Protein backbone atom coordinates (compact mmCIF):
# COMPACT_ATOMS: atom_id res chain seq x y z
CA UNK A 1 5.23 -15.28 6.51
CA UNK A 2 5.31 -18.17 8.92
CA UNK A 3 2.29 -19.70 10.59
CA UNK A 4 2.68 -20.11 14.31
CA UNK A 5 0.24 -21.02 17.07
CA UNK A 6 1.91 -21.89 20.40
CA UNK A 7 0.32 -24.95 21.97
CA UNK A 8 -1.67 -24.51 25.09
CA UNK A 9 -2.09 -20.74 24.67
CA UNK A 10 -5.43 -19.09 24.44
CA UNK A 11 -6.10 -16.09 22.30
CA UNK A 12 -6.92 -12.84 24.09
CA UNK A 13 -10.68 -12.50 24.32
CA UNK A 14 -11.94 -10.13 21.64
CA UNK A 15 -15.36 -8.49 21.87
CA UNK A 16 -17.78 -10.31 19.54
CA UNK A 17 -18.25 -8.47 16.29
CA UNK A 18 -20.37 -9.35 13.33
CA UNK A 19 -18.28 -10.40 10.35
CA UNK A 20 -19.47 -9.06 7.04
CA UNK A 21 -18.85 -10.69 3.73
CA UNK A 22 -15.61 -8.94 2.84
CA UNK A 23 -13.38 -11.47 1.11
CA UNK A 24 -9.63 -11.50 0.50
CA UNK A 25 -10.39 -10.34 -3.05
CA UNK A 26 -12.24 -7.22 -1.88
CA UNK A 27 -9.66 -6.45 0.80
CA UNK A 28 -6.94 -6.69 -1.86
CA UNK A 29 -8.97 -4.51 -4.23
CA UNK A 30 -9.19 -1.80 -1.57
CA UNK A 31 -5.41 -1.72 -1.14
CA UNK A 32 -4.74 -1.79 -4.90
CA UNK A 33 -7.16 1.06 -5.52
CA UNK A 34 -5.73 3.07 -2.64
CA UNK A 35 -2.19 2.76 -4.01
CA UNK A 36 -2.74 3.36 -7.71
CA UNK A 37 -3.61 7.04 -7.94
CA UNK A 38 -1.92 9.99 -9.60
CA UNK A 39 1.63 9.33 -8.35
CA UNK A 40 2.70 6.69 -10.85
CA UNK A 41 1.49 8.86 -13.76
CA UNK A 42 3.51 11.91 -12.70
CA UNK A 43 6.68 10.85 -10.85
CA UNK A 44 8.78 9.64 -13.79
CA UNK A 45 9.22 13.13 -15.24
CA UNK A 46 11.14 14.23 -12.17
CA UNK A 47 13.18 11.03 -11.97
CA UNK A 48 14.54 11.05 -15.53
CA UNK A 49 15.62 14.67 -15.15
CA UNK A 50 18.50 13.45 -12.94
CA UNK A 51 18.62 9.68 -13.59
CA UNK A 52 19.24 8.92 -17.26
CA UNK A 53 19.54 5.15 -17.00
CA UNK A 54 16.43 3.07 -17.72
CA UNK A 55 17.73 0.28 -15.49
CA UNK A 56 18.23 2.65 -12.54
CA UNK A 57 14.76 4.15 -12.92
CA UNK A 58 13.09 0.74 -13.04
CA UNK A 59 15.21 -0.38 -10.08
CA UNK A 60 13.87 2.63 -8.18
CA UNK A 61 10.30 1.36 -8.57
CA UNK A 62 11.33 -2.20 -7.71
CA UNK A 63 13.10 -1.05 -4.55
CA UNK A 64 10.05 1.03 -3.59
CA UNK A 65 7.85 -2.02 -4.06
CA UNK A 66 10.18 -4.18 -1.96
CA UNK A 67 10.11 -1.61 0.87
CA UNK A 68 6.31 -1.49 0.69
CA UNK A 69 6.32 -5.29 0.78
CA UNK A 70 8.48 -5.19 3.91
CA UNK A 71 5.88 -2.91 5.49
CA UNK A 72 3.07 -5.24 4.38
CA UNK A 73 4.83 -8.29 5.87
CA UNK A 74 5.25 -6.43 9.17
CA UNK A 75 1.63 -5.25 9.25
CA UNK A 76 0.52 -8.81 8.47
CA UNK A 77 1.89 -9.94 11.83
CA UNK A 78 0.19 -7.05 13.63
CA UNK A 79 -3.13 -7.62 11.85
CA UNK A 80 -3.17 -11.31 12.80
CA UNK A 81 -2.02 -10.78 16.40
CA UNK A 82 -4.21 -7.71 17.08
CA UNK A 83 -7.28 -8.24 14.86
CA UNK A 84 -9.41 -5.12 15.01
CA UNK A 85 -10.21 -2.32 12.56
CA UNK A 86 -8.60 1.09 12.91
CA UNK A 87 -5.13 0.66 11.46
CA UNK A 88 -2.46 2.62 13.28
CA UNK A 89 -4.99 3.90 15.81
CA UNK A 90 -5.57 0.36 17.07
CA UNK A 91 -1.99 -0.90 16.68
CA UNK A 92 -0.31 2.03 18.43
CA UNK A 93 -2.91 2.01 21.20
CA UNK A 94 -2.20 -1.65 21.90
CA UNK A 95 1.58 -1.48 21.52
CA UNK A 96 2.47 1.82 23.21
CA UNK A 97 -0.39 3.70 24.88
CA UNK A 98 -3.98 4.67 23.94
CA UNK A 99 -2.87 8.32 23.71
CA UNK A 100 -0.30 7.46 21.03
CA UNK A 101 -2.92 5.56 19.06
CA UNK A 102 -5.41 8.38 19.42
CA UNK A 103 -2.95 10.85 17.86
CA UNK A 104 -2.62 8.64 14.78
CA UNK A 105 -6.38 8.10 14.69
CA UNK A 106 -7.04 11.82 15.09
CA UNK A 107 -4.93 12.49 11.98
CA UNK A 108 -6.78 9.81 9.99
CA UNK A 109 -10.23 10.90 11.18
CA UNK A 110 -9.70 14.58 10.34
CA UNK A 111 -7.52 15.09 7.28
CA UNK A 112 -5.46 11.93 6.78
CA UNK A 113 -7.94 10.46 4.29
CA UNK A 114 -10.01 13.54 3.49
CA UNK A 115 -7.13 15.50 1.93
CA UNK A 116 -6.05 12.70 -0.47
CA UNK A 117 -9.71 12.21 -1.42
CA UNK A 118 -9.97 15.94 -2.21
CA UNK A 119 -6.87 15.81 -4.39
CA UNK A 120 -8.11 12.70 -6.22
CA UNK A 121 -11.55 14.27 -6.71
CA UNK A 122 -10.15 17.48 -8.20
CA UNK A 123 -7.81 15.45 -10.41
CA UNK A 124 -10.84 13.43 -11.54
CA UNK A 125 -12.60 16.68 -12.47
CA UNK A 126 -9.58 17.98 -14.37
CA UNK A 127 -9.09 14.80 -16.40
CA UNK A 128 -12.82 14.39 -17.02
CA UNK A 129 -12.90 17.95 -18.36
CA UNK A 130 -10.00 17.06 -20.62
CA UNK A 131 -11.80 14.04 -22.03
CA UNK A 132 -15.26 15.65 -22.23
CA UNK A 133 -14.67 19.42 -22.06
CA UNK A 134 -17.37 21.84 -21.04
CA UNK A 135 -19.58 19.46 -19.04
CA UNK A 136 -18.91 21.35 -15.80
CA UNK A 137 -16.04 22.97 -13.96
CA UNK A 138 -13.37 20.56 -12.62
CA UNK A 139 -14.17 21.68 -9.08
CA UNK A 140 -17.84 20.76 -9.35
CA UNK A 141 -17.03 17.54 -11.15
CA UNK A 142 -14.73 16.64 -8.27
CA UNK A 143 -17.39 17.46 -5.70
CA UNK A 144 -20.00 15.42 -7.55
CA UNK A 145 -17.62 12.43 -7.73
CA UNK A 146 -16.81 12.62 -4.00
CA UNK A 147 -20.48 12.98 -3.02
CA UNK A 148 -21.72 10.26 -5.37
CA UNK A 149 -19.15 7.74 -4.15
CA UNK A 150 -19.94 8.62 -0.53
CA UNK A 151 -23.63 7.98 -1.24
CA UNK A 152 -22.81 4.57 -2.71
CA UNK A 153 -20.97 3.59 0.46
CA UNK A 154 -23.74 5.04 2.62
CA UNK A 155 -26.26 2.83 0.83
CA UNK A 156 -24.82 -0.30 2.38
CA UNK A 157 -21.79 -2.54 2.72
CA UNK A 158 -22.96 -4.90 -0.01
CA UNK A 159 -23.53 -2.07 -2.50
CA UNK A 160 -20.21 -0.44 -1.61
CA UNK A 161 -18.38 -3.75 -2.01
CA UNK A 162 -19.88 -4.42 -5.43
CA UNK A 163 -19.17 -0.89 -6.65
CA UNK A 164 -15.60 -0.94 -5.41
CA UNK A 165 -14.77 -4.34 -6.86
CA UNK A 166 -16.13 -3.41 -10.28
CA UNK A 167 -14.33 -0.05 -10.38
CA UNK A 168 -11.04 -1.64 -9.29
CA UNK A 169 -11.27 -4.47 -11.84
CA UNK A 170 -11.98 -1.88 -14.54
CA UNK A 171 -8.99 0.14 -13.36
CA UNK A 172 -6.56 -2.79 -13.46
CA UNK A 173 -7.81 -4.03 -16.83
CA UNK A 174 -7.51 -0.53 -18.30
CA UNK A 175 -3.90 -0.24 -17.11
CA UNK A 176 -2.97 -3.72 -18.35
CA UNK A 177 -4.53 -3.06 -21.77
CA UNK A 178 -2.74 0.29 -21.98
CA UNK A 179 0.61 -1.37 -21.21
CA UNK A 180 0.09 -4.16 -23.77
CA UNK A 181 -1.12 -1.79 -26.50
CA UNK A 182 1.70 0.64 -25.75
CA UNK A 183 4.40 -1.97 -26.19
CA UNK A 184 2.67 -3.29 -29.31
CA UNK A 185 2.23 0.05 -31.11
CA UNK A 186 4.86 2.29 -29.53
CA UNK A 187 8.16 3.19 -31.21
CA UNK A 188 11.13 1.67 -29.30
CA UNK A 189 13.66 4.18 -28.00
CA UNK A 190 17.42 3.74 -27.99
CA UNK A 191 17.61 2.59 -24.36
CA UNK A 192 18.61 -0.55 -22.52
CA UNK A 193 17.07 -2.06 -19.40
CA UNK A 194 20.23 -4.08 -18.76
CA UNK A 195 22.52 -2.90 -15.92
CA UNK A 196 25.83 -1.22 -16.75
CA UNK A 197 28.78 0.27 -14.89
CA UNK A 198 27.22 3.75 -14.93
CA UNK A 199 24.26 2.47 -12.92
CA UNK A 200 26.46 2.19 -9.84
CA UNK A 201 26.93 5.95 -10.04
CA UNK A 202 23.20 6.58 -10.37
CA UNK A 203 22.22 4.22 -7.56
CA UNK A 204 24.72 5.68 -5.09
CA UNK A 205 23.86 9.31 -5.87
CA UNK A 206 21.46 11.61 -4.00
CA UNK A 207 18.84 11.81 -6.82
CA UNK A 208 18.20 8.08 -6.51
CA UNK A 209 17.40 8.29 -2.80
CA UNK A 210 15.37 11.47 -3.23
CA UNK A 211 13.45 9.76 -6.03
CA UNK A 212 12.78 6.86 -3.68
CA UNK A 213 10.90 9.23 -1.35
CA UNK A 214 8.43 10.09 -4.11
CA UNK A 215 8.19 6.46 -5.24
CA UNK A 216 7.22 5.48 -1.69
CA UNK A 217 4.44 8.08 -1.79
CA UNK A 218 3.13 6.33 -4.90
CA UNK A 219 3.08 3.05 -2.97
CA UNK A 220 1.28 4.54 0.03
CA UNK A 221 -1.93 2.67 0.67
CA UNK A 222 -0.39 -0.82 0.82
CA UNK A 223 -1.77 -1.08 4.38
CA UNK A 224 -5.37 -0.18 3.45
CA UNK A 225 -7.03 -3.46 4.48
CA UNK A 226 -5.94 -3.18 8.13
CA UNK A 227 -8.43 -0.34 8.57
CA UNK A 228 -11.40 -2.66 7.94
CA UNK A 229 -10.35 -5.86 9.74
CA UNK A 230 -13.70 -6.13 11.53
CA UNK A 231 -15.52 -6.37 8.19
CA UNK A 232 -13.32 -9.10 6.71
CA UNK A 233 -14.10 -12.81 6.73
CA UNK A 234 -11.43 -14.82 8.56
CA UNK A 235 -9.37 -11.63 9.08
CA UNK A 236 -6.30 -13.32 10.57
CA UNK A 237 -5.74 -15.01 7.23
CA UNK A 238 -7.47 -12.76 4.72
CA UNK A 239 -5.97 -9.43 5.80
CA UNK A 240 -2.30 -10.57 5.72
CA UNK A 241 -2.91 -12.20 2.33
CA UNK A 242 -4.58 -9.07 0.97
CA UNK A 243 -1.62 -6.92 2.04
CA UNK A 244 0.83 -9.11 0.14
CA UNK A 245 -1.36 -9.70 -2.92
CA UNK A 246 -2.14 -6.01 -3.37
CA UNK A 247 1.48 -4.89 -2.96
CA UNK A 248 2.75 -7.46 -5.46
CA UNK A 249 0.05 -6.53 -8.01
CA UNK A 250 0.87 -2.84 -7.74
CA UNK A 251 4.62 -3.50 -7.97
CA UNK A 252 4.06 -5.30 -11.29
CA UNK A 253 1.74 -2.55 -12.59
CA UNK A 254 4.16 0.22 -11.61
CA UNK A 255 7.17 -1.47 -13.18
CA UNK A 256 5.14 -2.18 -16.32
CA UNK A 257 3.88 1.40 -16.68
CA UNK A 258 7.28 2.99 -16.16
CA UNK A 259 8.97 0.50 -18.47
CA UNK A 260 6.38 1.40 -21.12
CA UNK A 261 6.99 5.14 -20.72
CA UNK A 262 10.77 4.68 -21.00
CA UNK A 263 10.53 2.21 -23.89
CA UNK A 264 8.26 4.37 -26.05
CA UNK A 265 9.00 8.01 -25.18
CA UNK A 266 12.28 9.96 -25.32
CA UNK A 267 13.56 10.87 -21.86
CA UNK A 268 14.14 14.50 -22.84
CA UNK A 269 10.43 14.79 -23.70
CA UNK A 270 9.44 13.55 -20.24
CA UNK A 271 12.12 15.24 -18.12
CA UNK A 272 10.59 17.84 -15.80
CA UNK A 273 7.04 17.15 -16.97
CA UNK A 274 4.31 16.66 -14.37
CA UNK A 275 1.80 15.01 -16.73
CA UNK A 276 4.33 12.50 -18.01
CA UNK A 277 1.64 9.90 -18.76
CA UNK A 278 -0.09 12.33 -21.13
CA UNK A 279 3.23 13.03 -22.86
CA UNK A 280 3.86 9.30 -23.28
CA UNK A 281 0.28 8.63 -24.39
CA UNK A 282 0.45 11.22 -27.15
CA UNK A 283 3.86 9.95 -28.25
CA UNK A 284 2.56 6.37 -28.52
CA UNK A 285 -0.92 6.88 -29.93
CA UNK A 286 -0.79 10.40 -31.38
CA UNK A 287 -3.17 13.14 -30.25
CA UNK A 288 -5.80 10.61 -29.25
CA UNK A 289 -3.28 9.22 -26.78
CA UNK A 290 -3.91 12.14 -24.47
CA UNK A 291 -7.61 11.31 -24.34
CA UNK A 292 -6.84 7.63 -23.74
CA UNK A 293 -4.54 8.39 -20.81
CA UNK A 294 -6.94 11.04 -19.51
CA UNK A 295 -9.75 8.49 -19.48
CA UNK A 296 -7.46 5.91 -17.85
CA UNK A 297 -6.57 8.24 -15.01
CA UNK A 298 -10.04 9.74 -14.71
CA UNK A 299 -11.96 6.51 -14.29
CA UNK A 300 -9.16 4.90 -12.31
CA UNK A 301 -9.49 7.65 -9.70
CA UNK A 302 -13.06 6.51 -9.00
CA UNK A 303 -11.68 3.36 -7.36
CA UNK A 304 -9.08 5.41 -5.47
CA UNK A 305 -11.73 7.73 -4.03
CA UNK A 306 -13.90 4.72 -3.22
CA UNK A 307 -11.11 2.99 -1.26
CA UNK A 308 -10.41 6.02 0.94
CA UNK A 309 -14.12 6.76 1.38
CA UNK A 310 -14.50 3.21 2.66
CA UNK A 311 -11.54 2.90 5.03
CA UNK A 312 -11.20 6.41 6.48
CA UNK A 313 -14.52 6.44 8.40
CA UNK A 314 -13.72 3.03 9.90
CA UNK A 315 -10.94 4.64 11.93
CA UNK A 316 -13.39 7.21 13.29
CA UNK A 317 -15.88 4.41 14.02
CA UNK A 318 -13.39 2.42 16.11
CA UNK A 319 -12.36 5.56 17.98
CA UNK A 320 -16.04 6.13 18.72
CA UNK A 321 -16.31 2.62 20.16
CA UNK A 322 -13.57 3.47 22.67
CA UNK A 323 -14.32 7.09 23.55
CA UNK A 324 -17.75 8.36 24.63
CA UNK A 325 -16.90 11.80 23.22
CA UNK A 326 -16.92 10.27 19.72
CA UNK A 327 -19.62 7.71 20.40
CA UNK A 328 -21.96 9.02 17.70
CA UNK A 329 -19.47 7.92 15.04
CA UNK A 330 -19.54 4.31 16.25
CA UNK A 331 -23.18 3.86 15.28
CA UNK A 332 -23.93 1.78 12.20
CA UNK A 333 -26.97 1.67 9.95
CA UNK A 334 -28.94 -1.52 9.33
CA UNK A 335 -26.86 -1.91 6.18
CA UNK A 336 -23.65 -2.10 8.21
CA UNK A 337 -22.06 1.28 7.51
CA UNK A 338 -20.92 4.01 9.94
CA UNK A 339 -23.08 6.73 8.41
CA UNK A 340 -22.05 9.55 10.77
CA UNK A 341 -18.35 8.84 10.21
CA UNK A 342 -18.78 8.80 6.42
CA UNK A 343 -20.78 12.04 6.58
CA UNK A 344 -18.07 13.71 8.69
CA UNK A 345 -15.34 12.76 6.25
CA UNK A 346 -17.44 13.93 3.28
CA UNK A 347 -17.99 17.31 4.92
CA UNK A 348 -14.24 17.72 5.46
CA UNK A 349 -13.57 16.69 1.85
CA UNK A 350 -16.10 19.27 0.64
CA UNK A 351 -14.50 22.05 2.69
CA UNK A 352 -11.02 21.15 1.43
CA UNK A 353 -12.17 21.15 -2.20
CA UNK A 354 -14.09 24.43 -1.93
CA UNK A 355 -11.23 26.20 -0.14
CA UNK A 356 -8.59 24.62 -2.41
CA UNK A 357 -6.46 23.95 0.68
CA UNK A 358 -5.99 20.20 0.22
CA UNK A 359 -2.50 20.38 -1.34
CA UNK A 360 -1.17 22.29 1.67
CA UNK A 361 -2.83 19.79 3.99
CA UNK A 362 -1.28 16.82 2.18
CA UNK A 363 2.15 18.46 2.33
CA UNK A 364 2.00 18.98 6.06
CA UNK A 365 0.52 15.60 7.03
CA UNK A 366 3.07 13.51 5.11
CA UNK A 367 5.59 13.55 7.95
CA UNK A 368 2.97 12.59 10.54
CA UNK A 369 1.57 9.78 8.37
CA UNK A 370 5.06 8.40 7.76
CA UNK A 371 5.78 8.58 11.50
CA UNK A 372 2.62 6.57 12.25
CA UNK A 373 3.60 3.71 9.92
CA UNK A 374 7.18 3.87 11.25
CA UNK A 375 5.94 3.41 14.83
CA UNK A 376 3.62 0.57 13.77
CA UNK A 377 6.40 -1.42 12.10
CA UNK A 378 8.72 -0.66 15.01
CA UNK A 379 5.93 -2.05 17.17
CA UNK A 380 6.46 -5.51 15.64
CA UNK A 381 9.91 -5.54 17.21
CA UNK A 382 8.67 -4.00 20.47
CA UNK A 383 5.97 -6.66 20.86
CA UNK A 384 8.44 -9.45 20.03
CA UNK A 385 10.63 -8.22 22.90
CA UNK A 386 7.97 -7.23 25.47
CA UNK A 387 5.29 -9.79 24.70
CA UNK A 388 6.90 -13.00 23.43
CA UNK A 389 3.86 -14.86 24.80
CA UNK A 390 1.40 -13.04 22.54
CA UNK A 391 -0.16 -15.52 20.06
CA UNK A 392 1.01 -14.71 16.54
CA UNK A 393 -0.92 -16.67 13.90
CA UNK A 394 1.28 -15.00 11.29
CA UNK A 395 4.90 -14.03 11.74
CA UNK A 396 6.83 -11.53 9.64
CA UNK A 397 8.83 -13.35 7.00
CA UNK A 398 12.54 -12.44 7.13
CA UNK A 399 12.33 -10.93 10.61
CA UNK A 400 14.21 -8.83 11.78
CA UNK A 401 15.68 -7.81 8.41
CA UNK A 402 12.26 -7.11 6.88
CA UNK A 403 11.08 -4.47 9.38
CA UNK A 404 14.57 -2.97 9.62
CA UNK A 405 14.58 -2.29 5.86
CA UNK A 406 11.25 -0.51 6.14
CA UNK A 407 12.38 1.48 9.19
CA UNK A 408 15.61 2.61 7.51
CA UNK A 409 13.84 3.85 4.38
CA UNK A 410 10.97 5.56 6.21
CA UNK A 411 13.49 7.04 8.67
CA UNK A 412 15.32 8.53 5.70
CA UNK A 413 12.04 9.88 4.35
CA UNK A 414 11.28 11.64 7.63
CA UNK A 415 14.77 13.13 7.76
CA UNK A 416 14.34 14.36 4.19
CA UNK A 417 10.96 15.90 4.97
CA UNK A 418 12.31 17.65 8.06
CA UNK A 419 15.23 19.06 6.06
CA UNK A 420 13.28 20.06 2.93
CA UNK A 421 9.88 20.93 4.46
CA UNK A 422 10.53 21.84 8.10
CA UNK A 423 7.48 24.09 8.46
CA UNK A 424 5.07 21.55 6.99
CA UNK A 425 6.61 18.67 8.96
CA UNK A 426 6.40 20.56 12.26
CA UNK A 427 2.81 21.52 11.42
CA UNK A 428 2.05 17.82 10.99
CA UNK A 429 3.52 17.13 14.42
CA UNK A 430 1.39 19.96 15.80
CA UNK A 431 -1.70 18.21 14.40
CA UNK A 432 -0.72 15.06 16.29
CA UNK A 433 -0.26 17.08 19.47
CA UNK A 434 -3.69 18.64 18.95
CA UNK A 435 -5.07 15.11 18.93
CA UNK A 436 -3.22 14.43 22.19
CA UNK A 437 -4.90 17.47 23.75
CA UNK A 438 -8.33 16.23 22.63
CA UNK A 439 -7.59 12.84 24.13
CA UNK A 440 -6.37 14.33 27.42
CA UNK A 441 -9.57 16.32 27.96
CA UNK A 442 -12.01 13.67 26.71
CA UNK A 443 -13.95 11.44 29.13
CA UNK A 444 -12.41 8.16 30.19
CA UNK A 445 -12.89 5.10 28.08
CA UNK A 446 -16.08 3.16 28.40
CA UNK A 447 -16.04 0.38 30.99
CA UNK A 448 -15.30 -2.87 29.24
CA UNK A 449 -14.03 -1.23 26.05
CA UNK A 450 -11.20 -3.03 24.35
CA UNK A 451 -8.09 -1.63 25.98
CA UNK A 452 -5.83 -4.14 24.36
CA UNK A 453 -2.42 -5.29 25.41
CA UNK A 454 -0.42 -2.96 27.56
CA UNK A 455 3.34 -3.20 27.15
CA UNK A 456 3.70 -3.05 30.88
CA UNK A 457 1.55 -6.13 31.45
């Protein structure tokens, strides 16, 4: 990134907002926790079924991390130039039109965060039951986890920050210790991480690019800190830094975990397996390995649920600041939390868990979520062209190559989703259009609300 502040230019006036004590460390912890969920512990089994080269598989995770880093670099410019919470809701409203932003915000406020929380909560229940069987049903364990974490964040910003930082540190330390112990005690397999001529065949084949789609899902969450910009100290510096720090940390963790699985466990044992981490854990540490990995995933999911419980309601809160129809969700408690927005998301999570409909919801919102991030990164280029005068304290490093890489990969992902899951993808678009209908029939924005920069200005 490049620092740039044109001389003689004044920043657009932003409405005064109270800055809470969210540091770069906490903002980074939110993004790390949001990224590291179930994906990295399950994806490898599908990859090695078609890609039999260790180098090619590791390259897949490196490429995915680089693409996520390209997205983070692009969002860093947007976060510094347009500093307000809300993520894509705010960015798309400022870059294109408030209706476009509202569609992205509508998705986030309804099921965009609630469905992944429901999946993580049920997975928590399943792994907890595996480690300590018979305590309660996985469904109720998942509900208890979701409710308990919501209560922590309802208790106040300070309490939520402390809880999240501790759970994320525990998560990272657990993964690092698992990687070190695995390499120390695991039995090396007859594989090589060095490139060879056959890798050119793997890299240029369809399975590699299809595998990249699922790797990118594992990296989703790299943009988490942009949803809470208003709560971050010195956001124009801290948020861009948190995006880069978190993405780099997760890239290293993902490469380390997958290298460990390949180094210690035969590929034919992992091929086609969903719970590949459990397979590798048992192969490294014997039968107790399953419990070790189960505990790793189980307690690591606490931080994942915490991150999404934190950031999801902030989108609803910002929407409430702009639209009287949603004004109740803009209210904060004395402890600095949007209680109504957190309660709404928790209710949706509860319904999804009880009806067991969250997997279908996640399948159909993937296209819409990918489209939102695509439009945001494209917006970096749109703003450069339409608003060259806009102060940019941070500029995207490697522009325009950096955003183009992200746009090409996410464009491929959307094409793949349309081809492989047309019904779900079109349903996701229908959800966006439903948000457009809500926006069209809602009252006008409050006088003096932050309308942002119009492209036509």
